[in-house]
Each structure stands twice: as structure tokens, then as C-alpha cells.
Amino acid sequence: EDRLAVKSLWPENEGVASIPYKINDYLVDRKETILAAFKLISDQTCIRFHEYTNEMNYIEFISGTGCASYVGFQGGAQSVYFGRACNVGNLCHELMHALGLHHEHTRPDRDQYVTIQWDNVVPGKENNFKVKKGDTQDLPYDYDSIMHYGTYYFSSNRNPTIHSKKRGVQIGQRNHLSPLDITRLNKLYQ
């Protein structure tokens, strides 16, 4: 069942979620970007990352055409796809997926805050905009979330796919974790 914040969280060790990672040989030259994404998360949350040392469960960064991740803990080698166009912010967004977070604009209460322009969404990409069942963790809607799509994401015709109901709000930033992103992760893992 789809959930906003999934129940399949990474296991904790002595009260800390420290997640092993392995970098595919083709991505060694992008290690600085990966480490910067880890730092963005670790400096502000209870999540830690460490190099793989033969653990059973770990994140493996794989070279791909885009940025993508499964949502939540899958077990075993969990792939995070890291394409050439991915920057620190994009990778941080994907790591948040791997940690268990869905997109902010898929919250059950999202229709109070945004309108999805379905006619403008690329066919086959509708699932990226569908409401997910689950818990909002009693936190307000976060237009500034790194997990929120921008106005034109997956547009089939250069017209907006998401329209904010609040004037003057920018959505889709990939520069920082919002205060609510930080709270959301800490609530999941503490």
C-alpha cells in the first residue's frame, strides 16, 4: 500500500539510523556530489551514512540516465540511480525517497494547497502526482520541501503540471532541506 511516509524504515543500530553505501565504479568521479548530499541530510537530521563494509543491507549508487530511487527500506542492495544531470539537490531528493518519504504534493490533503493539471502531465507519469494514502505526521503542507515537484515537472506541453493555491509561492527547490523536511525525517527515525 502506498504511504506518504512508509513503514519500511532503515533499521537502527544502537538508536542511530546509520546507512551503509556503496558507490558503483562508474561513479567514483562523482563521489564529492554524493558526499555533499549525505552532508546535507546528516548535518540536520538523525540520519548517518557510512561506507559499505559487507553489511547485508545498503544503498548502492548506480549510474543511470536520470535520478531515481525506491521509496523506503527494501532490503539487500538498494539501488539509487544517479545520472550525469543529477546534482546535490536532486540526489538529496532521491535519498529522502530511499529513507521513506514520498513527494509532498502527493499528501492526502494536497488538494487544499495545489491543483494538479492532469491534461499537462506526460502520459505514463501520472503516478508521480497521485495522492498517496497515509500519515502527514501532523505536519503542515510544505511548499518549500525538497520533496515537492516544481510547477512544470513532467509537463507534456510546457504548461504547468502543478498550480499552487497560495500566491507567490515557489515550489520545486532543490537547494536545501526545509525545516519541515528535517522535522519529518527526525520524526520517522527517532
C-alpha atoms as a PDB file:
ATOM      1  CA  GLU A   1       0.000   0.000   0.000  1.00  0.00           C
ATOM      2  CA  ASP A   2       1.282   3.457  -0.916  1.00  0.00           C
ATOM      3  CA  ARG A   3       2.064   5.657   2.060  1.00  0.00           C
ATOM      4  CA  LEU A   4       3.288   9.216   2.417  1.00  0.00           C
ATOM      5  CA  ALA A   5       5.878   8.130   4.944  1.00  0.00           C
ATOM      6  CA  VAL A   6       6.357   4.402   4.583  1.00  0.00           C
ATOM      7  CA  LYS A   7       6.582   1.915   7.412  1.00  0.00           C
ATOM      8  CA  SER A   8       9.648   0.248   5.901  1.00  0.00           C
ATOM      9  CA  LEU A   9      12.359   2.328   7.533  1.00  0.00           C
ATOM     10  CA  TRP A  10      16.057   1.559   7.616  1.00  0.00           C
ATOM     11  CA  PRO A  11      16.999  -0.411  10.726  1.00  0.00           C
ATOM     12  CA  GLU A  12      18.669   1.429  13.573  1.00  0.00           C
ATOM     13  CA  ASN A  13      21.843   0.324  15.301  1.00  0.00           C
ATOM     14  CA  GLU A  14      22.166   1.462  18.912  1.00  0.00           C
ATOM     15  CA  GLY A  15      19.458   4.074  18.362  1.00  0.00           C
ATOM     16  CA  VAL A  16      21.025   5.583  15.240  1.00  0.00           C
ATOM     17  CA  ALA A  17      19.993   5.067  11.622  1.00  0.00           C
ATOM     18  CA  SER A  18      23.414   4.711  10.014  1.00  0.00           C
ATOM     19  CA  ILE A  19      23.045   3.625   6.428  1.00  0.00           C
ATOM     20  CA  PRO A  20      25.834   1.856   4.554  1.00  0.00           C
ATOM     21  CA  TYR A  21      26.510   2.936   0.978  1.00  0.00           C
ATOM     22  CA  LYS A  22      28.487   1.613  -1.948  1.00  0.00           C
ATOM     23  CA  ILE A  23      29.452   3.666  -4.990  1.00  0.00           C
ATOM     24  CA  ASN A  24      29.466   1.915  -8.361  1.00  0.00           C
ATOM     25  CA  ASP A  25      32.903   2.078 -10.061  1.00  0.00           C
ATOM     26  CA  TYR A  26      31.471   4.242 -12.850  1.00  0.00           C
ATOM     27  CA  LEU A  27      30.537   6.921 -10.303  1.00  0.00           C
ATOM     28  CA  VAL A  28      33.797   7.273  -8.366  1.00  0.00           C
ATOM     29  CA  ASP A  29      34.384  10.661 -10.036  1.00  0.00           C
ATOM     30  CA  ARG A  30      31.018  11.844  -8.623  1.00  0.00           C
ATOM     31  CA  LYS A  31      31.822  10.879  -5.033  1.00  0.00           C
ATOM     32  CA  GLU A  32      32.039  14.535  -3.919  1.00  0.00           C
ATOM     33  CA  THR A  33      28.450  15.123  -5.042  1.00  0.00           C
ATOM     34  CA  ILE A  34      27.275  12.019  -3.183  1.00  0.00           C
ATOM     35  CA  LEU A  35      29.119  13.037  -0.006  1.00  0.00           C
ATOM     36  CA  ALA A  36      27.664  16.561  -0.243  1.00  0.00           C
ATOM     37  CA  ALA A  37      24.136  15.094  -0.390  1.00  0.00           C
ATOM     38  CA  PHE A  38      24.895  12.937   2.666  1.00  0.00           C
ATOM     39  CA  LYS A  39      26.187  16.015   4.495  1.00  0.00           C
ATOM     40  CA  LEU A  40      23.049  18.000   3.664  1.00  0.00           C
ATOM     41  CA  ILE A  41      20.971  15.296   5.367  1.00  0.00           C
ATOM     42  CA  SER A  42      23.321  14.260   8.196  1.00  0.00           C
ATOM     43  CA  ASP A  43      24.158  17.782   9.351  1.00  0.00           C
ATOM     44  CA  GLN A  44      20.495  18.495  10.104  1.00  0.00           C
ATOM     45  CA  THR A  45      18.902  15.146  10.975  1.00  0.00           C
ATOM     46  CA  CYS A  46      19.493  11.989  12.999  1.00  0.00           C
ATOM     47  CA  ILE A  47      20.433  10.048   9.821  1.00  0.00           C
ATOM     48  CA  ARG A  48      24.036   8.989   9.243  1.00  0.00           C
ATOM     49  CA  PHE A  49      25.755   7.338   6.274  1.00  0.00           C
ATOM     50  CA  HIS A  50      28.905   5.231   6.246  1.00  0.00           C
ATOM     51  CA  GLU A  51      30.888   3.313   3.649  1.00  0.00           C
ATOM     52  CA  TYR A  52      29.813  -0.251   2.986  1.00  0.00           C
ATOM     53  CA  THR A  53      31.778  -2.832   4.984  1.00  0.00           C
ATOM     54  CA  ASN A  54      30.000  -6.035   3.954  1.00  0.00           C
ATOM     55  CA  GLU A  55      26.586  -5.258   5.534  1.00  0.00           C
ATOM     56  CA  MET A  56      23.578  -7.169   4.222  1.00  0.00           C
ATOM     57  CA  ASN A  57      21.506  -4.009   3.617  1.00  0.00           C
ATOM     58  CA  TYR A  58      22.952  -0.958   1.896  1.00  0.00           C
ATOM     59  CA  ILE A  59      22.383   1.754  -0.687  1.00  0.00           C
ATOM     60  CA  GLU A  60      24.246   1.241  -3.941  1.00  0.00           C
ATOM     61  CA  PHE A  61      24.703   4.200  -6.262  1.00  0.00           C
ATOM     62  CA  ILE A  62      24.277   3.088  -9.854  1.00  0.00           C
ATOM     63  CA  SER A  63      24.990   5.087 -12.990  1.00  0.00           C
ATOM     64  CA  GLY A  64      21.722   5.791 -14.815  1.00  0.00           C
ATOM     65  CA  THR A  65      20.067   8.138 -17.267  1.00  0.00           C
ATOM     66  CA  GLY A  66      18.244  10.048 -14.530  1.00  0.00           C
ATOM     67  CA  CYS A  67      17.848  10.261 -10.780  1.00  0.00           C
ATOM     68  CA  ALA A  68      15.617   7.654  -9.159  1.00  0.00           C
ATOM     69  CA  SER A  69      15.129   5.618  -6.005  1.00  0.00           C
ATOM     70  CA  TYR A  70      12.734   3.183  -4.426  1.00  0.00           C
ATOM     71  CA  VAL A  71      10.721   4.572  -1.535  1.00  0.00           C
ATOM     72  CA  GLY A  72      11.702   3.220   1.875  1.00  0.00           C
ATOM     73  CA  PHE A  73      13.883   0.352   3.003  1.00  0.00           C
ATOM     74  CA  GLN A  74      13.818  -2.545   0.506  1.00  0.00           C
ATOM     75  CA  GLY A  75      16.479  -4.845   1.961  1.00  0.00           C
ATOM     76  CA  GLY A  76      19.661  -6.096   0.340  1.00  0.00           C
ATOM     77  CA  ALA A  77      21.437  -3.907  -2.186  1.00  0.00           C
ATOM     78  CA  GLN A  78      19.079  -0.983  -2.734  1.00  0.00           C
ATOM     79  CA  SER A  79      19.809   0.931  -5.925  1.00  0.00           C
ATOM     80  CA  VAL A  80      19.787   4.706  -6.169  1.00  0.00           C
ATOM     81  CA  TYR A  81      20.179   5.727  -9.814  1.00  0.00           C
ATOM     82  CA  PHE A  82      22.471   8.682 -10.328  1.00  0.00           C
ATOM     83  CA  GLY A  83      22.632  10.165 -13.831  1.00  0.00           C
ATOM     84  CA  ARG A  84      25.051  12.774 -15.154  1.00  0.00           C
ATOM     85  CA  ALA A  85      22.495  15.593 -14.825  1.00  0.00           C
ATOM     86  CA  CYS A  86      21.871  14.864 -11.129  1.00  0.00           C
ATOM     87  CA  ASN A  87      23.183  17.470  -8.724  1.00  0.00           C
ATOM     88  CA  VAL A  88      23.432  17.505  -4.927  1.00  0.00           C
ATOM     89  CA  GLY A  89      19.813  18.641  -4.525  1.00  0.00           C
ATOM     90  CA  ASN A  90      18.426  16.003  -6.906  1.00  0.00           C
ATOM     91  CA  LEU A  91      20.406  13.299  -5.149  1.00  0.00           C
ATOM     92  CA  CYS A  92      19.244  14.527  -1.742  1.00  0.00           C
ATOM     93  CA  HIS A  93      15.636  14.261  -3.021  1.00  0.00           C
ATOM     94  CA  GLU A  94      16.280  10.636  -4.067  1.00  0.00           C
ATOM     95  CA  LEU A  95      17.934   9.809  -0.741  1.00  0.00           C
ATOM     96  CA  MET A  96      14.842  11.157   1.031  1.00  0.00           C
ATOM     97  CA  HIS A  97      12.812   8.664  -1.040  1.00  0.00           C
ATOM     98  CA  ALA A  98      15.183   5.861  -0.007  1.00  0.00           C
ATOM     99  CA  LEU A  99      14.702   6.942   3.618  1.00  0.00           C
ATOM    100  CA  GLY A 100      10.936   6.559   3.279  1.00  0.00           C
ATOM    101  CA  LEU A 101       9.435   9.840   2.077  1.00  0.00           C
ATOM    102  CA  HIS A 102       7.064  10.300  -0.846  1.00  0.00           C
ATOM    103  CA  HIS A 103       6.539  13.565  -2.708  1.00  0.00           C
ATOM    104  CA  GLU A 104       4.975  16.393  -0.717  1.00  0.00           C
ATOM    105  CA  HIS A 105       2.440  17.072  -3.482  1.00  0.00           C
ATOM    106  CA  THR A 106       1.040  13.528  -3.063  1.00  0.00           C
ATOM    107  CA  ARG A 107      -0.171  14.068   0.528  1.00  0.00           C
ATOM    108  CA  PRO A 108      -3.814  13.126   1.185  1.00  0.00           C
ATOM    109  CA  ASP A 109      -4.610  16.806   1.893  1.00  0.00           C
ATOM    110  CA  ARG A 110      -2.746  18.233  -1.110  1.00  0.00           C
ATOM    111  CA  ASP A 111      -5.889  19.413  -2.950  1.00  0.00           C
ATOM    112  CA  GLN A 112      -6.244  22.143  -0.327  1.00  0.00           C
ATOM    113  CA  TYR A 113      -2.841  23.538  -1.364  1.00  0.00           C
ATOM    114  CA  VAL A 114      -2.185  22.694  -5.020  1.00  0.00           C
ATOM    115  CA  THR A 115      -4.085  21.785  -8.165  1.00  0.00           C
ATOM    116  CA  ILE A 116      -2.708  19.112 -10.486  1.00  0.00           C
ATOM    117  CA  GLN A 117      -3.204  19.988 -14.162  1.00  0.00           C
ATOM    118  CA  TRP A 118      -3.695  16.407 -15.357  1.00  0.00           C
ATOM    119  CA  ASP A 119      -4.064  17.385 -19.038  1.00  0.00           C
ATOM    120  CA  ASN A 120      -0.487  18.702 -18.990  1.00  0.00           C
ATOM    121  CA  VAL A 121       1.161  15.624 -17.429  1.00  0.00           C
ATOM    122  CA  VAL A 122       3.268  13.413 -19.710  1.00  0.00           C
ATOM    123  CA  PRO A 123       1.310  10.194 -20.370  1.00  0.00           C
ATOM    124  CA  GLY A 124       2.682   7.411 -18.185  1.00  0.00           C
ATOM    125  CA  LYS A 125       3.943   9.803 -15.492  1.00  0.00           C
ATOM    126  CA  GLU A 126       0.607  10.290 -13.712  1.00  0.00           C
ATOM    127  CA  ASN A 127       1.654   8.107 -10.774  1.00  0.00           C
ATOM    128  CA  ASN A 128       4.148  10.819  -9.757  1.00  0.00           C
ATOM    129  CA  PHE A 129       1.164  13.066  -8.997  1.00  0.00           C
ATOM    130  CA  LYS A 130      -1.349  10.623  -7.494  1.00  0.00           C
ATOM    131  CA  VAL A 131      -2.330  11.052  -3.855  1.00  0.00           C
ATOM    132  CA  LYS A 132      -0.682   8.529  -1.520  1.00  0.00           C
ATOM    133  CA  LYS A 133      -2.575   7.160   1.449  1.00  0.00           C
ATOM    134  CA  GLY A 134      -1.014   7.682   4.811  1.00  0.00           C
ATOM    135  CA  ASP A 135       0.040   9.865   7.626  1.00  0.00           C
ATOM    136  CA  THR A 136       1.069  13.511   7.274  1.00  0.00           C
ATOM    137  CA  GLN A 137       2.775  13.206  10.702  1.00  0.00           C
ATOM    138  CA  ASP A 138       0.583  16.109  11.871  1.00  0.00           C
ATOM    139  CA  LEU A 139       2.849  18.490   9.966  1.00  0.00           C
ATOM    140  CA  PRO A 140       1.613  21.333   7.757  1.00  0.00           C
ATOM    141  CA  TYR A 141       1.862  21.270   3.971  1.00  0.00           C
ATOM    142  CA  ASP A 142       5.357  22.277   2.897  1.00  0.00           C
ATOM    143  CA  TYR A 143       5.666  24.246  -0.352  1.00  0.00           C
ATOM    144  CA  ASP A 144       9.413  24.574   0.374  1.00  0.00           C
ATOM    145  CA  SER A 145      10.037  20.821   0.703  1.00  0.00           C
ATOM    146  CA  ILE A 146      12.860  19.305  -1.301  1.00  0.00           C
ATOM    147  CA  MET A 147      10.270  16.559  -1.930  1.00  0.00           C
ATOM    148  CA  HIS A 148       7.883  18.914  -3.799  1.00  0.00           C
ATOM    149  CA  TYR A 149       7.840  18.947  -7.591  1.00  0.00           C
ATOM    150  CA  GLY A 150       8.200  22.221  -9.440  1.00  0.00           C
ATOM    151  CA  THR A 151       5.477  23.884 -11.469  1.00  0.00           C
ATOM    152  CA  TYR A 152       6.458  22.292 -14.805  1.00  0.00           C
ATOM    153  CA  TYR A 153       7.744  18.851 -13.766  1.00  0.00           C
ATOM    154  CA  PHE A 154       6.756  16.152 -16.280  1.00  0.00           C
ATOM    155  CA  SER A 155       4.903  18.646 -18.473  1.00  0.00           C
ATOM    156  CA  SER A 156       3.884  17.280 -21.857  1.00  0.00           C
ATOM    157  CA  ASN A 157       3.319  20.711 -23.389  1.00  0.00           C
ATOM    158  CA  ARG A 158       5.362  23.339 -21.469  1.00  0.00           C
ATOM    159  CA  ASN A 159       2.303  24.247 -19.417  1.00  0.00           C
ATOM    160  CA  PRO A 160       2.192  23.868 -15.619  1.00  0.00           C
ATOM    161  CA  THR A 161       1.506  20.459 -14.099  1.00  0.00           C
ATOM    162  CA  ILE A 162       1.144  21.840 -10.559  1.00  0.00           C
ATOM    163  CA  HIS A 163      -0.518  25.103  -9.618  1.00  0.00           C
ATOM    164  CA  SER A 164      -0.106  26.447  -6.096  1.00  0.00           C
ATOM    165  CA  LYS A 165      -3.250  27.801  -4.444  1.00  0.00           C
ATOM    166  CA  LYS A 166      -1.099  30.175  -2.387  1.00  0.00           C
ATOM    167  CA  ARG A 167       0.043  33.248  -4.309  1.00  0.00           C
ATOM    168  CA  GLY A 168       3.725  33.961  -4.734  1.00  0.00           C
ATOM    169  CA  VAL A 169       4.925  30.565  -3.530  1.00  0.00           C
ATOM    170  CA  GLN A 170       7.838  28.893  -5.307  1.00  0.00           C
ATOM    171  CA  ILE A 171       7.778  25.090  -5.468  1.00  0.00           C
ATOM    172  CA  GLY A 172      10.333  22.516  -6.537  1.00  0.00           C
ATOM    173  CA  GLN A 173      13.508  23.873  -4.912  1.00  0.00           C
ATOM    174  CA  ARG A 174      16.475  21.509  -4.708  1.00  0.00           C
ATOM    175  CA  ASN A 175      18.864  23.700  -2.681  1.00  0.00           C
ATOM    176  CA  HIS A 176      18.152  22.747   0.926  1.00  0.00           C
ATOM    177  CA  LEU A 177      16.107  20.634   3.293  1.00  0.00           C
ATOM    178  CA  SER A 178      13.228  22.727   4.559  1.00  0.00           C
ATOM    179  CA  PRO A 179      12.665  22.925   8.317  1.00  0.00           C
ATOM    180  CA  LEU A 180       9.684  20.593   7.826  1.00  0.00           C
ATOM    181  CA  ASP A 181      11.780  18.112   5.785  1.00  0.00           C
ATOM    182  CA  ILE A 182      14.155  17.951   8.753  1.00  0.00           C
ATOM    183  CA  THR A 183      11.306  17.511  11.239  1.00  0.00           C
ATOM    184  CA  ARG A 184       9.681  14.836   9.061  1.00  0.00           C
ATOM    185  CA  LEU A 185      12.855  12.728   8.868  1.00  0.00           C
ATOM    186  CA  ASN A 186      13.621  13.119  12.557  1.00  0.00           C
ATOM    187  CA  LYS A 187      10.067  12.081  13.497  1.00  0.00           C
ATOM    188  CA  LEU A 188      10.397   8.953  11.354  1.00  0.00           C
ATOM    189  CA  TYR A 189      13.746   7.886  12.758  1.00  0.00           C
ATOM    190  CA  GLN A 190      13.669   8.990  16.409  1.00  0.00           C
END
